[in-house]
Amino acid sequence: MSMDNSKKSQHGNLLINSLPPYYGTSRIMQSLQESQGYELDDLDYSLDEVLNQLFINTSTWGLATWEHELGIPSDSSKPIDQRRSVVMSKIRGVGTVTVSLVKNVAEAYDGGKVDVTQYPEKHSVTIKFVDTLGIPPNLDDLKQAIYELMPAHLAVNYEFSYSTWLDVKRAQWNLLSEFTWGEVNTRRWN
């Protein structure tokens, strides 16, 4: 990271203030401490940036490493939050398959509340998106994760919520002109 030279270096100020007072008037010493301070500022920023890559929720350029380690195909064209949710879901999806595990994995993708209902007599599971209206943007990634997680004999069904005409009717009609039909259908009107 290149520091903006019009700003004072944080570390440069610390360095100059740690010297004896008679150096306070020396332009050479101030310049030297300021230039060293910029280097320390860059180092501090770089260390924070590397540390951020060790945690999924703050990882950016390090997501490719997470994906590689977990056997997830890396797709840099996807938004970072979707890529993070795939990684998080893969990590959460380890262990015996239970309703709470499926719920945990699905919520990692959706970011909202998800209800999971098991129907043993039908050999199926239904995942219902409660907080999200419409189809979640990374549903295909979620389906792939659930496919890898679930036993082969169980069918998985997905339920989505949409605004009803009653919801729309309750809204003021003059507000509707601001939205497309897709936005009207996936917006909460209550």
Protein backbone atom coordinates (compact mmCIF):
# COMPACT_ATOMS: atom_id res chain seq x y z
CA MET A 1 0.00 0.00 0.00
CA SER A 2 1.41 3.38 -0.94
CA MET A 3 0.83 6.01 1.71
CA ASP A 4 -0.47 9.46 0.80
CA ASN A 5 2.48 11.80 1.44
CA SER A 6 0.18 14.72 2.29
CA LYS A 7 -0.83 12.87 5.48
CA LYS A 8 1.38 12.51 8.50
CA SER A 9 2.56 9.02 9.29
CA GLN A 10 1.07 7.54 12.43
CA HIS A 11 4.24 5.64 13.22
CA GLY A 12 6.38 8.63 12.20
CA ASN A 13 4.71 10.72 14.90
CA LEU A 14 5.37 7.98 17.45
CA LEU A 15 9.01 7.75 16.40
CA ILE A 16 9.70 11.51 16.54
CA ASN A 17 7.91 11.78 19.91
CA SER A 18 10.07 8.99 21.34
CA LEU A 19 13.29 10.93 20.61
CA PRO A 20 14.88 13.48 22.96
CA PRO A 21 13.30 16.96 22.61
CA TYR A 22 16.37 18.56 20.97
CA TYR A 23 15.61 16.50 17.79
CA GLY A 24 12.21 18.23 17.55
CA THR A 25 13.70 21.13 15.61
CA SER A 26 15.83 19.02 13.26
CA ARG A 27 14.21 18.82 9.83
CA ILE A 28 16.55 15.98 8.90
CA MET A 29 15.57 13.90 11.92
CA GLN A 30 11.86 14.68 11.39
CA SER A 31 12.11 13.69 7.72
CA LEU A 32 13.98 10.50 8.58
CA GLN A 33 11.44 9.47 11.24
CA GLU A 34 8.52 10.35 8.95
CA SER A 35 9.90 8.22 6.08
CA GLN A 36 10.53 5.30 8.42
CA GLY A 37 7.05 5.85 9.83
CA TYR A 38 5.50 5.46 6.35
CA GLU A 39 7.29 2.14 5.97
CA LEU A 40 5.99 0.98 9.35
CA ASP A 41 2.48 2.17 8.40
CA ASP A 42 2.70 0.07 5.22
CA LEU A 43 3.93 -2.93 7.20
CA ASP A 44 1.11 -2.53 9.73
CA TYR A 45 -1.47 -2.34 6.92
CA SER A 46 0.01 -5.39 5.18
CA LEU A 47 -0.03 -7.43 8.39
CA ASP A 48 -3.69 -6.52 8.97
CA GLU A 49 -4.49 -7.47 5.38
CA VAL A 50 -2.83 -10.88 5.75
CA LEU A 51 -4.59 -11.44 9.07
CA ASN A 52 -7.94 -10.66 7.40
CA GLN A 53 -7.36 -13.53 4.97
CA LEU A 54 -7.24 -16.03 7.84
CA PHE A 55 -10.92 -15.43 8.66
CA ILE A 56 -13.68 -16.23 6.19
CA ASN A 57 -15.80 -13.21 7.10
CA THR A 58 -12.99 -10.75 6.26
CA SER A 59 -11.16 -12.69 3.56
CA THR A 60 -10.98 -11.14 0.09
CA TRP A 61 -8.01 -12.16 -2.07
CA GLY A 62 -7.44 -15.13 0.28
CA LEU A 63 -10.77 -16.73 -0.64
CA ALA A 64 -9.07 -18.57 -3.49
CA THR A 65 -6.88 -20.34 -0.92
CA TRP A 66 -9.91 -21.27 1.21
CA GLU A 67 -11.70 -22.58 -1.88
CA HIS A 68 -8.67 -24.59 -3.00
CA GLU A 69 -8.23 -26.16 0.45
CA LEU A 70 -11.90 -27.16 0.58
CA GLY A 71 -12.08 -28.45 -3.01
CA ILE A 72 -14.44 -25.69 -4.14
CA PRO A 73 -14.06 -24.42 -7.71
CA SER A 74 -12.98 -20.78 -7.51
CA ASP A 75 -15.09 -18.31 -9.49
CA SER A 76 -13.78 -14.76 -9.14
CA SER A 77 -16.74 -13.41 -11.15
CA LYS A 78 -19.07 -14.17 -8.22
CA PRO A 79 -19.56 -11.54 -5.52
CA ILE A 80 -17.27 -12.00 -2.51
CA ASP A 81 -20.18 -12.48 -0.09
CA GLN A 82 -21.47 -15.41 -2.16
CA ARG A 83 -18.01 -16.97 -2.33
CA ARG A 84 -17.66 -16.56 1.43
CA SER A 85 -21.01 -18.25 2.01
CA VAL A 86 -19.93 -21.25 -0.08
CA VAL A 87 -16.73 -21.59 1.98
CA MET A 88 -18.59 -21.14 5.27
CA SER A 89 -21.19 -23.68 4.27
CA LYS A 90 -18.56 -26.24 3.29
CA ILE A 91 -16.90 -25.86 6.69
CA ARG A 92 -20.21 -26.09 8.53
CA GLY A 93 -21.26 -29.12 6.52
CA VAL A 94 -18.92 -31.59 8.17
CA GLY A 95 -20.35 -34.40 10.29
CA THR A 96 -23.53 -36.44 10.56
CA VAL A 97 -26.39 -35.03 8.51
CA THR A 98 -29.09 -33.65 10.80
CA VAL A 99 -31.90 -31.16 10.31
CA SER A 100 -29.91 -28.59 12.28
CA LEU A 101 -26.84 -29.18 10.10
CA VAL A 102 -28.87 -28.70 6.90
CA LYS A 103 -30.42 -25.56 8.42
CA ASN A 104 -26.99 -24.26 9.40
CA VAL A 105 -25.59 -24.83 5.91
CA ALA A 106 -28.63 -23.29 4.17
CA GLU A 107 -28.56 -20.22 6.41
CA ALA A 108 -24.88 -19.73 5.60
CA TYR A 109 -25.86 -19.32 1.94
CA ASP A 110 -29.03 -17.33 2.39
CA GLY A 111 -28.00 -15.09 5.26
CA GLY A 112 -31.55 -15.23 6.59
CA LYS A 113 -33.78 -17.59 8.49
CA VAL A 114 -34.41 -20.98 6.92
CA ASP A 115 -36.82 -23.69 8.07
CA VAL A 116 -35.89 -27.30 7.37
CA THR A 117 -38.58 -29.96 7.62
CA GLN A 118 -37.89 -33.65 7.32
CA TYR A 119 -40.47 -36.07 5.92
CA PRO A 120 -39.10 -39.56 6.71
CA GLU A 121 -42.10 -41.36 5.20
CA LYS A 122 -41.55 -39.54 1.89
CA HIS A 123 -37.75 -39.76 2.11
CA SER A 124 -37.50 -36.03 1.58
CA VAL A 125 -36.45 -32.77 3.17
CA THR A 126 -37.93 -29.32 2.49
CA ILE A 127 -35.87 -26.18 2.84
CA LYS A 128 -38.05 -23.08 3.16
CA PHE A 129 -36.56 -19.59 2.90
CA VAL A 130 -38.38 -17.58 5.56
CA ASP A 131 -36.65 -14.18 5.53
CA THR A 132 -35.81 -14.06 1.84
CA LEU A 133 -38.45 -13.16 -0.70
CA GLY A 134 -37.93 -14.66 -4.13
CA ILE A 135 -35.08 -16.93 -5.10
CA PRO A 136 -31.75 -16.39 -3.29
CA PRO A 137 -29.01 -15.18 -5.66
CA ASN A 138 -26.67 -18.12 -5.04
CA LEU A 139 -29.26 -20.91 -4.97
CA ASP A 140 -27.22 -23.07 -7.36
CA ASP A 141 -24.29 -23.02 -4.92
CA LEU A 142 -26.62 -23.97 -2.07
CA LYS A 143 -28.12 -26.81 -4.10
CA GLN A 144 -24.63 -28.14 -4.83
CA ALA A 145 -23.64 -27.98 -1.15
CA ILE A 146 -26.86 -29.71 -0.06
CA TYR A 147 -26.40 -32.34 -2.80
CA GLU A 148 -22.92 -33.14 -1.45
CA LEU A 149 -24.19 -33.14 2.13
CA MET A 150 -27.41 -35.17 1.91
CA PRO A 151 -27.63 -38.96 1.69
CA ALA A 152 -28.50 -40.07 -1.84
CA HIS A 153 -31.87 -41.57 -0.90
CA LEU A 154 -33.33 -38.25 0.29
CA ALA A 155 -35.04 -35.83 -2.08
CA VAL A 156 -34.61 -32.14 -1.35
CA ASN A 157 -37.36 -29.61 -2.06
CA TYR A 158 -36.99 -25.85 -1.89
CA GLU A 159 -39.82 -23.46 -0.96
CA PHE A 160 -39.67 -19.76 -1.69
CA SER A 161 -41.76 -16.90 -0.39
CA TYR A 162 -43.22 -14.15 -2.54
CA SER A 163 -45.45 -11.18 -1.88
CA THR A 164 -49.13 -12.01 -2.29
CA TRP A 165 -51.74 -9.81 -3.90
CA LEU A 166 -53.07 -9.08 -0.44
CA ASP A 167 -49.63 -7.79 0.60
CA VAL A 168 -49.43 -5.63 -2.52
CA LYS A 169 -53.02 -4.44 -2.11
CA ARG A 170 -52.20 -3.19 1.38
CA ALA A 171 -49.40 -1.05 -0.05
CA GLN A 172 -50.17 2.32 -1.54
CA TRP A 173 -50.65 1.93 -5.28
CA ASN A 174 -48.80 5.16 -6.09
CA LEU A 175 -45.65 3.64 -4.54
CA LEU A 176 -45.78 0.68 -6.91
CA SER A 177 -44.83 2.76 -9.93
CA GLU A 178 -41.31 3.02 -8.47
CA PHE A 179 -40.74 -0.75 -8.74
CA THR A 180 -40.46 -3.37 -11.43
CA TRP A 181 -42.81 -6.36 -11.26
CA GLY A 182 -39.98 -8.54 -9.94
CA GLU A 183 -39.32 -6.03 -7.16
CA VAL A 184 -43.03 -5.84 -6.32
CA ASN A 185 -43.18 -9.63 -6.12
CA THR A 186 -40.15 -9.97 -3.81
CA ARG A 187 -40.62 -6.95 -1.50
CA ARG A 188 -42.14 -7.09 1.98
CA TRP A 189 -45.23 -4.89 2.01
CA ASN A 190 -46.18 -5.18 5.66
